[in-house]
Amino acid sequence: MATATMIARRLAGATRPTIHEADEQGMASLIAAAESAGVRRFVYLSFPGVEKAIGTPLERAKLATEERLRGSAMQRVIIRSDAFQEIHFGAAARFDVAAGKITIIGRGDSKRRWVSTGDIAALVASVAVEPDPPSLITVGGPEAMTKNEAVAFVEEVAGRRMKVQHMPRPIARMAIRLLNKRNDALASAFGAGLLQDIRPADWDDAALRERGITPRTASDFLRQQAESTASRG
């Protein structure tokens, strides 16, 4: 959750901390401190497809931290969560329902399991204390939905058309390379959008439901956003 918050702040104009400082060096220090304190279990939040080697700062930081945990004596639980509804269906990710402007990286036809931050927070709390959790959990929300389907849904609920732009995959890859050092948060945001377009979800919400968590659908979140916009109009 801290990573998502940090990236959102960086996209809003903050210059520090960098992803390397927060999600690689900072996490390495936290793991070392946990080991020194005798912590027995460490739960870490990553994302599916992190090994795809798109080449973003966030990807490198997540992979480094996963590897660091594999070498630790602590019991590790790595949760690879699909994209958060609150982030990737929000203005910071250029899915701005209020402004009626949406940018989609790639074709927008890959189904993903957009998930609520609250549901993932509940999952983290659960696996932190259960007797013997798996070392790797890949999880998403209850509903598989493409970006194009999400746009069509909010247009129907809001009763108006969105201005939609598609960024071709080659342009996104070029932007990632150009921005890697200049703006690591934006490079990682482009990388997330690209990964969502090339890697359809083959995971589900089982890890949530098995622990008594009833996950929020992407449609419910999008309906709330669209209805809120319509009421203001």
Protein backbone atom coordinates (compact mmCIF):
# COMPACT_ATOMS: atom_id res chain seq x y z
CA MET A 1 0.00 0.00 0.00
CA ALA A 2 2.88 2.33 0.84
CA THR A 3 4.28 1.91 -2.67
CA ALA A 4 0.98 2.91 -4.28
CA THR A 5 0.74 5.96 -2.01
CA MET A 6 4.32 6.97 -2.75
CA ILE A 7 3.86 6.66 -6.52
CA ALA A 8 0.63 8.66 -6.36
CA ARG A 9 2.46 11.44 -4.48
CA ARG A 10 5.29 11.39 -7.02
CA LEU A 11 2.84 11.61 -9.92
CA ALA A 12 1.26 14.58 -8.16
CA GLY A 13 4.61 16.41 -8.18
CA ALA A 14 6.62 15.26 -5.15
CA THR A 15 10.30 14.67 -5.96
CA ARG A 16 11.28 12.33 -3.11
CA PRO A 17 11.60 9.59 -2.16
CA THR A 18 12.52 7.80 -5.34
CA ILE A 19 11.23 4.28 -5.93
CA HIS A 20 14.76 2.95 -5.45
CA GLU A 21 15.02 4.74 -2.10
CA ALA A 22 11.58 3.74 -0.82
CA ASP A 23 10.81 0.34 -2.28
CA GLU A 24 14.29 -1.14 -2.56
CA GLN A 25 16.70 0.48 -0.09
CA GLY A 26 13.97 1.28 2.42
CA MET A 27 12.48 -2.19 2.24
CA ALA A 28 15.93 -3.79 2.56
CA SER A 29 16.48 -1.78 5.74
CA LEU A 30 13.07 -2.81 7.06
CA ILE A 31 13.79 -6.49 6.39
CA ALA A 32 17.17 -6.21 8.14
CA ALA A 33 15.54 -4.52 11.13
CA ALA A 34 12.86 -7.22 11.29
CA GLU A 35 15.53 -9.93 11.22
CA SER A 36 17.48 -8.22 14.01
CA ALA A 37 14.32 -7.92 16.09
CA GLY A 38 13.58 -11.63 15.76
CA VAL A 39 10.48 -11.24 13.61
CA ARG A 40 9.37 -14.67 12.41
CA ARG A 41 7.18 -13.76 9.43
CA PHE A 42 7.35 -11.00 6.82
CA VAL A 43 4.43 -10.21 4.48
CA TYR A 44 5.36 -8.31 1.32
CA LEU A 45 3.16 -6.87 -1.39
CA SER A 46 4.27 -7.28 -5.01
CA PHE A 47 2.40 -7.73 -8.30
CA PRO A 48 1.77 -10.47 -10.90
CA GLY A 49 4.06 -10.35 -13.90
CA VAL A 50 6.86 -8.65 -11.99
CA GLU A 51 9.27 -11.06 -13.68
CA LYS A 52 8.21 -9.95 -17.19
CA ALA A 53 11.28 -7.68 -17.45
CA ILE A 54 9.55 -4.60 -18.84
CA GLY A 55 12.33 -2.65 -17.18
CA THR A 56 10.72 -0.18 -14.78
CA PRO A 57 12.20 1.06 -11.49
CA LEU A 58 9.26 -0.41 -9.56
CA GLU A 59 9.74 -3.81 -11.20
CA ARG A 60 13.44 -3.84 -10.28
CA ALA A 61 12.69 -2.82 -6.70
CA LYS A 62 10.02 -5.48 -6.25
CA LEU A 63 12.21 -8.22 -7.72
CA ALA A 64 15.14 -7.20 -5.51
CA THR A 65 12.97 -7.29 -2.41
CA GLU A 66 11.43 -10.65 -3.30
CA GLU A 67 14.94 -12.05 -3.77
CA ARG A 68 16.09 -10.54 -0.46
CA LEU A 69 13.20 -12.25 1.33
CA ARG A 70 13.99 -15.61 -0.27
CA GLY A 71 17.41 -15.40 1.34
CA SER A 72 16.04 -14.50 4.76
CA ALA A 73 15.56 -16.87 7.68
CA MET A 74 12.14 -15.31 8.26
CA GLN A 75 9.05 -17.01 6.93
CA ARG A 76 8.05 -15.00 3.87
CA VAL A 77 4.61 -14.42 2.41
CA ILE A 78 4.74 -12.60 -0.92
CA ILE A 79 1.35 -11.36 -2.08
CA ARG A 80 1.27 -10.58 -5.78
CA SER A 81 -1.84 -8.45 -6.09
CA ASP A 82 -3.51 -7.32 -9.30
CA ALA A 83 -3.90 -3.59 -9.95
CA PHE A 84 -5.74 -1.49 -7.37
CA GLN A 85 -9.09 -0.06 -8.42
CA GLU A 86 -8.49 3.16 -6.51
CA ILE A 87 -5.21 3.82 -8.34
CA HIS A 88 -5.69 2.51 -11.86
CA PHE A 89 -9.27 3.70 -12.22
CA GLY A 90 -8.33 7.14 -10.91
CA ALA A 91 -7.16 10.46 -12.27
CA ALA A 92 -3.50 9.83 -11.36
CA ALA A 93 -3.49 6.88 -13.77
CA ARG A 94 -5.19 8.98 -16.47
CA PHE A 95 -8.56 7.31 -15.96
CA ASP A 96 -10.27 10.58 -15.09
CA VAL A 97 -14.01 9.98 -15.09
CA ALA A 98 -14.77 13.41 -13.62
CA ALA A 99 -12.92 15.18 -16.45
CA GLY A 100 -14.21 12.73 -19.03
CA LYS A 101 -10.67 11.93 -20.21
CA ILE A 102 -9.10 8.47 -20.24
CA THR A 103 -5.78 7.26 -21.61
CA ILE A 104 -5.32 3.54 -22.24
CA ILE A 105 -1.90 2.05 -22.85
CA GLY A 106 -2.10 -0.49 -25.65
CA ARG A 107 -5.27 -2.03 -27.03
CA GLY A 108 -7.21 -2.21 -23.77
CA ASP A 109 -8.53 -5.71 -24.48
CA SER A 110 -6.76 -7.74 -21.76
CA LYS A 111 -8.94 -8.79 -18.85
CA ARG A 112 -7.57 -7.97 -15.42
CA ARG A 113 -8.84 -8.63 -11.91
CA TRP A 114 -8.86 -5.06 -10.55
CA VAL A 115 -8.93 -5.28 -6.76
CA SER A 116 -9.78 -3.03 -3.83
CA THR A 117 -6.99 -1.78 -1.56
CA GLY A 118 -9.21 -2.55 1.42
CA ASP A 119 -9.57 -6.17 0.37
CA ILE A 120 -5.81 -6.57 -0.02
CA ALA A 121 -5.24 -4.90 3.35
CA ALA A 122 -7.60 -7.47 4.89
CA LEU A 123 -5.68 -10.27 3.16
CA VAL A 124 -2.36 -8.97 4.50
CA ALA A 125 -3.79 -8.83 8.02
CA SER A 126 -5.10 -12.38 7.69
CA VAL A 127 -1.94 -14.07 6.40
CA ALA A 128 0.16 -12.23 8.97
CA VAL A 129 -1.38 -14.31 11.76
CA GLU A 130 -2.71 -17.53 10.23
CA PRO A 131 -0.84 -20.73 11.18
CA ASP A 132 0.81 -21.71 7.92
CA PRO A 133 0.17 -19.40 4.94
CA PRO A 134 1.68 -20.12 1.50
CA SER A 135 4.92 -18.37 0.61
CA LEU A 136 3.40 -16.92 -2.58
CA ILE A 137 -0.17 -15.75 -3.14
CA THR A 138 -1.33 -14.35 -6.48
CA VAL A 139 -4.69 -12.65 -6.17
CA GLY A 140 -7.11 -10.26 -7.82
CA GLY A 141 -10.67 -9.08 -7.57
CA PRO A 142 -13.85 -11.04 -8.31
CA GLU A 143 -14.47 -9.59 -11.76
CA ALA A 144 -12.39 -9.90 -14.93
CA MET A 145 -12.67 -6.67 -16.92
CA THR A 146 -10.74 -5.00 -19.74
CA LYS A 147 -9.96 -1.28 -19.80
CA ASN A 148 -12.25 -0.89 -22.82
CA GLU A 149 -15.06 -2.60 -20.91
CA ALA A 150 -14.43 -0.28 -17.97
CA VAL A 151 -14.77 2.76 -20.23
CA ALA A 152 -18.01 1.46 -21.74
CA PHE A 153 -19.37 0.78 -18.25
CA VAL A 154 -18.69 4.27 -16.88
CA GLU A 155 -20.10 5.84 -20.06
CA GLU A 156 -23.33 3.91 -19.58
CA VAL A 157 -23.64 4.77 -15.89
CA ALA A 158 -22.60 8.41 -16.28
CA GLY A 159 -24.74 8.87 -19.37
CA ARG A 160 -22.03 10.59 -21.36
CA ARG A 161 -19.11 9.76 -23.59
CA MET A 162 -15.50 9.77 -22.41
CA LYS A 163 -12.67 11.17 -24.52
CA VAL A 164 -10.44 8.10 -24.89
CA GLN A 165 -6.89 8.01 -26.21
CA HIS A 166 -4.86 4.86 -26.81
CA MET A 167 -1.09 4.95 -26.40
CA PRO A 168 0.52 2.32 -28.67
CA ARG A 169 2.67 -0.24 -26.89
CA PRO A 170 5.91 0.79 -28.71
CA ILE A 171 5.39 4.41 -27.59
CA ALA A 172 4.87 3.25 -24.00
CA ARG A 173 8.08 1.20 -24.12
CA MET A 174 9.98 4.21 -25.47
CA ALA A 175 8.55 6.44 -22.73
CA ILE A 176 9.64 3.94 -20.08
CA ARG A 177 13.22 3.98 -21.38
CA LEU A 178 13.33 7.77 -21.59
CA LEU A 179 11.80 8.35 -18.15
CA ASN A 180 13.58 5.62 -16.18
CA LYS A 181 16.05 8.03 -14.57
CA ARG A 182 14.27 11.36 -15.04
CA ASN A 183 10.90 10.36 -13.56
CA ASP A 184 10.86 6.87 -12.08
CA ALA A 185 7.24 7.14 -10.91
CA LEU A 186 5.94 8.04 -14.36
CA ALA A 187 8.10 5.35 -15.99
CA SER A 188 6.65 2.81 -13.56
CA ALA A 189 3.10 4.03 -14.22
CA PHE A 190 3.61 3.54 -17.95
CA GLY A 191 5.08 0.11 -17.20
CA ALA A 192 2.06 -0.86 -15.11
CA GLY A 193 -0.28 0.12 -17.91
CA LEU A 194 1.77 -1.79 -20.45
CA LEU A 195 1.89 -4.90 -18.26
CA GLN A 196 -1.87 -4.77 -17.79
CA ASP A 197 -2.27 -4.73 -21.57
CA ILE A 198 0.07 -7.62 -22.39
CA ARG A 199 -0.59 -9.89 -19.38
CA PRO A 200 -4.22 -10.98 -18.96
CA ALA A 201 -5.13 -12.29 -15.54
CA ASP A 202 -5.10 -16.05 -15.01
CA TRP A 203 -5.56 -15.67 -11.24
CA ASP A 204 -8.75 -15.00 -9.27
CA ASP A 205 -10.10 -13.94 -5.88
CA ALA A 206 -9.88 -17.36 -4.20
CA ALA A 207 -7.26 -16.21 -1.67
CA LEU A 208 -9.68 -13.54 -0.46
CA ARG A 209 -12.82 -15.67 -0.27
CA GLU A 210 -10.98 -18.54 1.45
CA ARG A 211 -10.30 -16.10 4.30
CA GLY A 212 -13.84 -14.80 4.56
CA ILE A 213 -13.17 -11.60 2.63
CA THR A 214 -15.99 -10.60 0.26
CA PRO A 215 -14.19 -8.60 -2.43
CA ARG A 216 -15.56 -5.50 -4.10
CA THR A 217 -16.10 -5.79 -7.85
CA ALA A 218 -14.57 -3.38 -10.34
CA SER A 219 -18.10 -2.58 -11.52
CA ASP A 220 -19.12 -1.46 -8.02
CA PHE A 221 -16.14 0.87 -7.78
CA LEU A 222 -16.65 2.28 -11.28
CA ARG A 223 -20.38 2.75 -10.68
CA GLN A 224 -19.63 4.77 -7.57
CA GLN A 225 -17.19 6.95 -9.50
CA ALA A 226 -19.55 7.47 -12.43
CA GLU A 227 -22.62 8.17 -10.29
CA SER A 228 -20.65 10.64 -8.19
CA THR A 229 -19.60 12.46 -11.36
CA ALA A 230 -23.14 12.43 -12.74
CA SER A 231 -24.58 13.87 -9.51
CA ARG A 232 -22.07 16.73 -9.56
CA GLY A 233 -23.01 17.48 -13.16
